[in-house]
Protein backbone atom coordinates (compact mmCIF):
# COMPACT_ATOMS: atom_id res chain seq x y z
CA UNK A 1 -187.36 42.74 -54.56
CA UNK A 2 -184.62 44.29 -56.65
CA UNK A 3 -182.27 44.09 -53.45
CA UNK A 4 -182.84 40.34 -53.04
CA UNK A 5 -182.29 39.71 -56.67
CA UNK A 6 -179.07 41.58 -56.55
CA UNK A 7 -177.83 39.79 -53.49
CA UNK A 8 -178.83 36.50 -55.02
CA UNK A 9 -176.74 37.29 -58.19
CA UNK A 10 -173.74 38.36 -56.10
CA UNK A 11 -174.02 35.12 -53.98
CA UNK A 12 -174.27 33.02 -57.19
CA UNK A 13 -171.24 34.77 -58.67
CA UNK A 14 -169.19 34.35 -55.49
CA UNK A 15 -170.19 30.66 -55.37
CA UNK A 16 -169.16 29.99 -59.06
CA UNK A 17 -165.96 31.92 -58.47
CA UNK A 18 -164.93 29.79 -55.59
CA UNK A 19 -165.52 26.64 -57.67
CA UNK A 20 -163.61 28.01 -60.44
CA UNK A 21 -160.68 28.86 -58.25
CA UNK A 22 -160.67 25.29 -56.78
CA UNK A 23 -160.62 23.86 -60.20
CA UNK A 24 -157.87 26.11 -61.32
CA UNK A 25 -155.75 25.29 -58.18
CA UNK A 26 -156.27 21.62 -59.03
CA UNK A 27 -155.21 22.15 -62.66
CA UNK A 28 -152.01 23.77 -61.58
CA UNK A 29 -150.90 21.67 -58.56
CA UNK A 30 -153.10 18.60 -58.48
CA UNK A 31 -154.21 17.73 -55.05
CA UNK A 32 -151.21 18.96 -53.48
CA UNK A 33 -152.26 21.14 -50.44
CA UNK A 34 -155.77 20.14 -50.60
CA UNK A 35 -157.21 18.94 -47.27
CA UNK A 36 -159.37 15.71 -47.28
CA UNK A 37 -162.72 17.74 -47.13
CA UNK A 38 -161.39 19.93 -50.07
CA UNK A 39 -160.95 16.72 -52.07
CA UNK A 40 -164.60 15.62 -51.42
CA UNK A 41 -165.74 19.18 -51.85
CA UNK A 42 -164.44 19.34 -55.38
CA UNK A 43 -165.68 15.93 -56.19
CA UNK A 44 -169.16 16.91 -55.13
CA UNK A 45 -169.06 19.89 -57.60
CA UNK A 46 -170.05 17.50 -60.30
CA UNK A 47 -173.13 16.11 -58.56
CA UNK A 48 -174.38 18.92 -56.67
CA UNK A 49 -174.52 22.09 -58.64
CA UNK A 50 -176.33 24.58 -56.40
CA UNK A 51 -175.27 23.85 -52.71
CA UNK A 52 -172.24 24.72 -50.58
CA UNK A 53 -170.25 21.28 -51.07
CA UNK A 54 -167.75 22.37 -48.54
CA UNK A 55 -170.29 22.00 -45.80
CA UNK A 56 -171.45 18.60 -47.15
CA UNK A 57 -167.91 17.35 -47.40
CA UNK A 58 -167.39 18.13 -43.74
CA UNK A 59 -170.63 16.32 -42.85
CA UNK A 60 -169.41 13.29 -44.66
CA UNK A 61 -166.12 13.17 -42.88
CA UNK A 62 -167.75 13.88 -39.47
CA UNK A 63 -170.23 11.22 -40.09
CA UNK A 64 -168.00 8.41 -41.24
CA UNK A 65 -164.81 9.50 -39.24
CA UNK A 66 -162.33 9.86 -42.00
CA UNK A 67 -161.74 10.52 -45.71
CA UNK A 68 -160.95 6.85 -46.20
CA UNK A 69 -164.14 5.70 -44.43
CA UNK A 70 -166.20 7.92 -46.78
CA UNK A 71 -164.72 6.07 -49.81
CA UNK A 72 -165.28 2.78 -48.21
CA UNK A 73 -168.87 3.44 -47.36
CA UNK A 74 -171.80 1.87 -49.16
CA UNK A 75 -174.12 3.84 -51.35
CA UNK A 76 -176.89 3.26 -48.71
CA UNK A 77 -174.61 4.50 -45.98
CA UNK A 78 -173.68 7.56 -47.93
CA UNK A 79 -177.25 8.46 -48.44
CA UNK A 80 -177.82 8.82 -44.69
CA UNK A 81 -175.79 11.92 -44.79
CA UNK A 82 -177.78 15.21 -45.26
CA UNK A 83 -177.41 16.46 -48.71
CA UNK A 84 -176.24 13.16 -50.30
CA UNK A 85 -178.78 11.86 -52.89
CA UNK A 86 -178.73 8.53 -54.66
CA UNK A 87 -177.14 10.38 -57.66
CA UNK A 88 -174.30 11.69 -55.47
CA UNK A 89 -173.71 8.47 -53.65
CA UNK A 90 -173.38 6.76 -57.00
CA UNK A 91 -170.66 9.30 -58.07
CA UNK A 92 -168.63 8.64 -54.89
CA UNK A 93 -168.93 4.87 -55.33
CA UNK A 94 -167.98 5.02 -58.96
CA UNK A 95 -164.70 6.86 -58.06
CA UNK A 96 -163.89 4.12 -55.48
CA UNK A 97 -164.54 1.37 -57.87
CA UNK A 98 -162.79 3.01 -60.82
CA UNK A 99 -159.64 3.44 -58.66
CA UNK A 100 -159.97 -0.22 -57.64
CA UNK A 101 -160.26 -1.25 -61.28
CA UNK A 102 -157.10 0.92 -62.00
CA UNK A 103 -155.01 -0.81 -59.34
CA UNK A 104 -156.04 -4.05 -60.57
CA UNK A 105 -155.06 -3.32 -64.14
CA UNK A 106 -151.71 -1.80 -63.23
CA UNK A 107 -150.65 -4.54 -60.73
CA UNK A 108 -149.91 -7.22 -63.26
CA UNK A 109 -150.20 -5.82 -66.71
CA UNK A 110 -149.08 -9.08 -68.42
CA UNK A 111 -151.62 -11.12 -66.48
CA UNK A 112 -149.05 -13.83 -65.97
CA UNK A 113 -147.89 -14.76 -62.45
CA UNK A 114 -144.22 -15.73 -62.20
CA UNK A 115 -143.59 -15.00 -58.65
CA UNK A 116 -145.00 -14.64 -55.17
CA UNK A 117 -144.34 -10.89 -55.44
CA UNK A 118 -146.45 -10.49 -58.61
CA UNK A 119 -149.23 -12.52 -56.94
CA UNK A 120 -149.22 -10.39 -54.00
CA UNK A 121 -149.16 -7.02 -55.73
CA UNK A 122 -152.03 -8.23 -57.86
CA UNK A 123 -154.07 -9.39 -54.88
CA UNK A 124 -153.47 -6.27 -52.65
CA UNK A 125 -155.36 -4.27 -55.41
CA UNK A 126 -158.26 -6.92 -55.07
CA UNK A 127 -158.79 -6.19 -51.50
CA UNK A 128 -158.77 -2.42 -51.84
CA UNK A 129 -161.66 -0.77 -49.82
CA UNK A 130 -162.55 -4.25 -48.35
CA UNK A 131 -163.34 -3.62 -44.68
CA UNK A 132 -164.61 -7.23 -43.84
CA UNK A 133 -162.71 -10.34 -44.27
CA UNK A 134 -163.21 -12.06 -47.51
CA UNK A 135 -161.42 -14.46 -49.98
CA UNK A 136 -160.29 -14.63 -53.58
CA UNK A 137 -159.31 -17.45 -55.82
CA UNK A 138 -156.99 -16.88 -58.68
CA UNK A 139 -157.25 -19.56 -61.42
CA UNK A 140 -154.27 -20.18 -63.54
CA UNK A 141 -153.50 -22.08 -66.63
CA UNK A 142 -150.48 -24.35 -67.34
CA UNK A 143 -148.30 -21.17 -68.15
CA UNK A 144 -149.48 -19.41 -64.96
CA UNK A 145 -151.68 -16.96 -66.78
CA UNK A 146 -154.73 -15.74 -65.01
CA UNK A 147 -157.89 -17.21 -66.23
CA UNK A 148 -160.05 -15.67 -63.54
CA UNK A 149 -159.81 -14.08 -60.19
CA UNK A 150 -163.02 -14.38 -58.17
CA UNK A 151 -164.29 -13.60 -54.68
CA UNK A 152 -165.20 -16.85 -53.27
CA UNK A 153 -166.30 -15.90 -49.84
CA UNK A 154 -167.55 -12.84 -47.85
CA UNK A 155 -167.44 -12.92 -44.15
CA UNK A 156 -167.57 -10.59 -41.16
CA UNK A 157 -164.80 -8.53 -39.72
CA UNK A 158 -163.20 -11.30 -37.68
CA UNK A 159 -163.52 -14.29 -40.04
CA UNK A 160 -164.51 -15.89 -43.33
CA UNK A 161 -164.92 -19.50 -44.42
CA UNK A 162 -163.67 -20.94 -47.69
CA UNK A 163 -165.98 -23.52 -49.30
CA UNK A 164 -163.51 -26.28 -50.66
CA UNK A 165 -166.23 -27.73 -52.80
CA UNK A 166 -167.16 -24.44 -54.44
CA UNK A 167 -163.46 -23.85 -55.00
CA UNK A 168 -162.90 -27.25 -56.77
CA UNK A 169 -165.95 -26.64 -58.84
CA UNK A 170 -164.67 -23.23 -59.90
CA UNK A 171 -161.24 -24.81 -60.75
CA UNK A 172 -163.00 -27.45 -62.96
CA UNK A 173 -165.14 -24.82 -64.65
CA UNK A 174 -162.10 -22.90 -65.90
CA UNK A 175 -159.97 -26.03 -66.36
CA UNK A 176 -157.30 -24.45 -64.16
CA UNK A 177 -154.09 -26.14 -63.62
CA UNK A 178 -153.13 -23.89 -60.65
CA UNK A 179 -154.84 -21.91 -57.94
CA UNK A 180 -153.69 -19.18 -55.73
CA UNK A 181 -156.04 -18.45 -52.80
CA UNK A 182 -156.03 -15.34 -50.77
CA UNK A 183 -157.78 -13.68 -47.85
CA UNK A 184 -157.46 -10.45 -45.94
CA UNK A 185 -156.83 -9.54 -42.39
CA UNK A 186 -158.64 -6.30 -41.74
CA UNK A 187 -156.99 -6.19 -38.29
CA UNK A 188 -153.73 -5.50 -40.10
CA UNK A 189 -151.96 -8.43 -38.47
CA UNK A 190 -150.14 -10.36 -41.25
CA UNK A 191 -149.21 -13.46 -39.27
CA UNK A 192 -151.06 -16.62 -40.39
CA UNK A 193 -153.30 -18.14 -37.80
CA UNK A 194 -153.46 -21.85 -36.93
CA UNK A 195 -156.79 -21.94 -38.88
CA UNK A 196 -155.13 -20.43 -41.95
CA UNK A 197 -152.63 -23.22 -42.01
CA UNK A 198 -155.16 -25.94 -41.55
CA UNK A 199 -157.28 -24.40 -44.21
CA UNK A 200 -154.42 -24.23 -46.62
CA UNK A 201 -153.59 -27.98 -46.21
CA UNK A 202 -157.16 -28.93 -46.62
CA UNK A 203 -157.47 -27.06 -49.84
CA UNK A 204 -154.15 -28.31 -51.15
CA UNK A 205 -155.30 -31.90 -50.59
CA UNK A 206 -158.64 -31.45 -52.15
CA UNK A 207 -157.27 -29.63 -55.29
CA UNK A 208 -154.73 -32.50 -55.64
CA UNK A 209 -157.60 -34.97 -56.08
CA UNK A 210 -158.71 -33.09 -59.22
CA UNK A 211 -155.09 -32.67 -60.43
CA UNK A 212 -154.93 -28.92 -59.62
CA UNK A 213 -151.95 -27.36 -57.83
CA UNK A 214 -152.30 -25.01 -55.01
CA UNK A 215 -149.58 -22.62 -55.92
CA UNK A 216 -149.86 -20.22 -52.94
CA UNK A 217 -152.04 -18.73 -50.24
CA UNK A 218 -151.48 -15.02 -49.96
CA UNK A 219 -152.64 -13.10 -46.88
CA UNK A 220 -153.29 -9.46 -47.33
CA UNK A 221 -153.41 -6.73 -44.68
CA UNK A 222 -153.77 -3.20 -46.16
CA UNK A 223 -150.94 -2.66 -48.71
CA UNK A 224 -148.79 -5.50 -47.24
CA UNK A 225 -149.00 -9.12 -47.88
CA UNK A 226 -147.19 -12.43 -46.99
CA UNK A 227 -147.02 -15.69 -49.09
CA UNK A 228 -147.43 -18.93 -47.26
CA UNK A 229 -145.54 -20.59 -50.10
CA UNK A 230 -142.53 -18.34 -49.56
CA UNK A 231 -142.69 -19.31 -45.99
CA UNK A 232 -142.57 -23.01 -46.73
CA UNK A 233 -146.15 -23.74 -45.59
CA UNK A 234 -147.39 -25.23 -48.86
């Protein structure tokens, strides 16, 4: 019995020593030199105190296929992996959402849109971690300040539909003078489709009836974007 206790203490000391070395390494160099599973391993320290989080980190990446896919996974999906509790899944999801909020806050600190470039940078952050096609509406006042930016549709991986009536109601609710609509292409292809152009014109005409200007339609693919206004399509 005494031998088992001694081995248990030594194992615990070794385990704690490994975690402390990882934390010290991070304090000195940040994530430089950390592999993807090392990053997840260290994050899991703060949700799983008594298990080998290195093994769980490997299981996460093996299950989802990549580090990025782990961060994009839903809480329910994360909990399918052995060793991931609801508490741990919440932590991983929180990190993802905090990073998304950070990107949104940094993208346009003034919250005033004065160019297609500013709109594009702001909207790229909005689509962070979105794996399916969806659309956002940015509502602007007469000085091009952002009143609100809301998701107006959520589709499947190959398409989404924008409700023109719902968009007009949203513009009236916020008394917007201008609207920038945006949707993503999860395929990574930035070129607008014929349907994108038709949708843009239909929205422009509908907003004109309620005296609201369609300022732009921005298509996002990953960290890249194009402005249909800049291409003369509005």
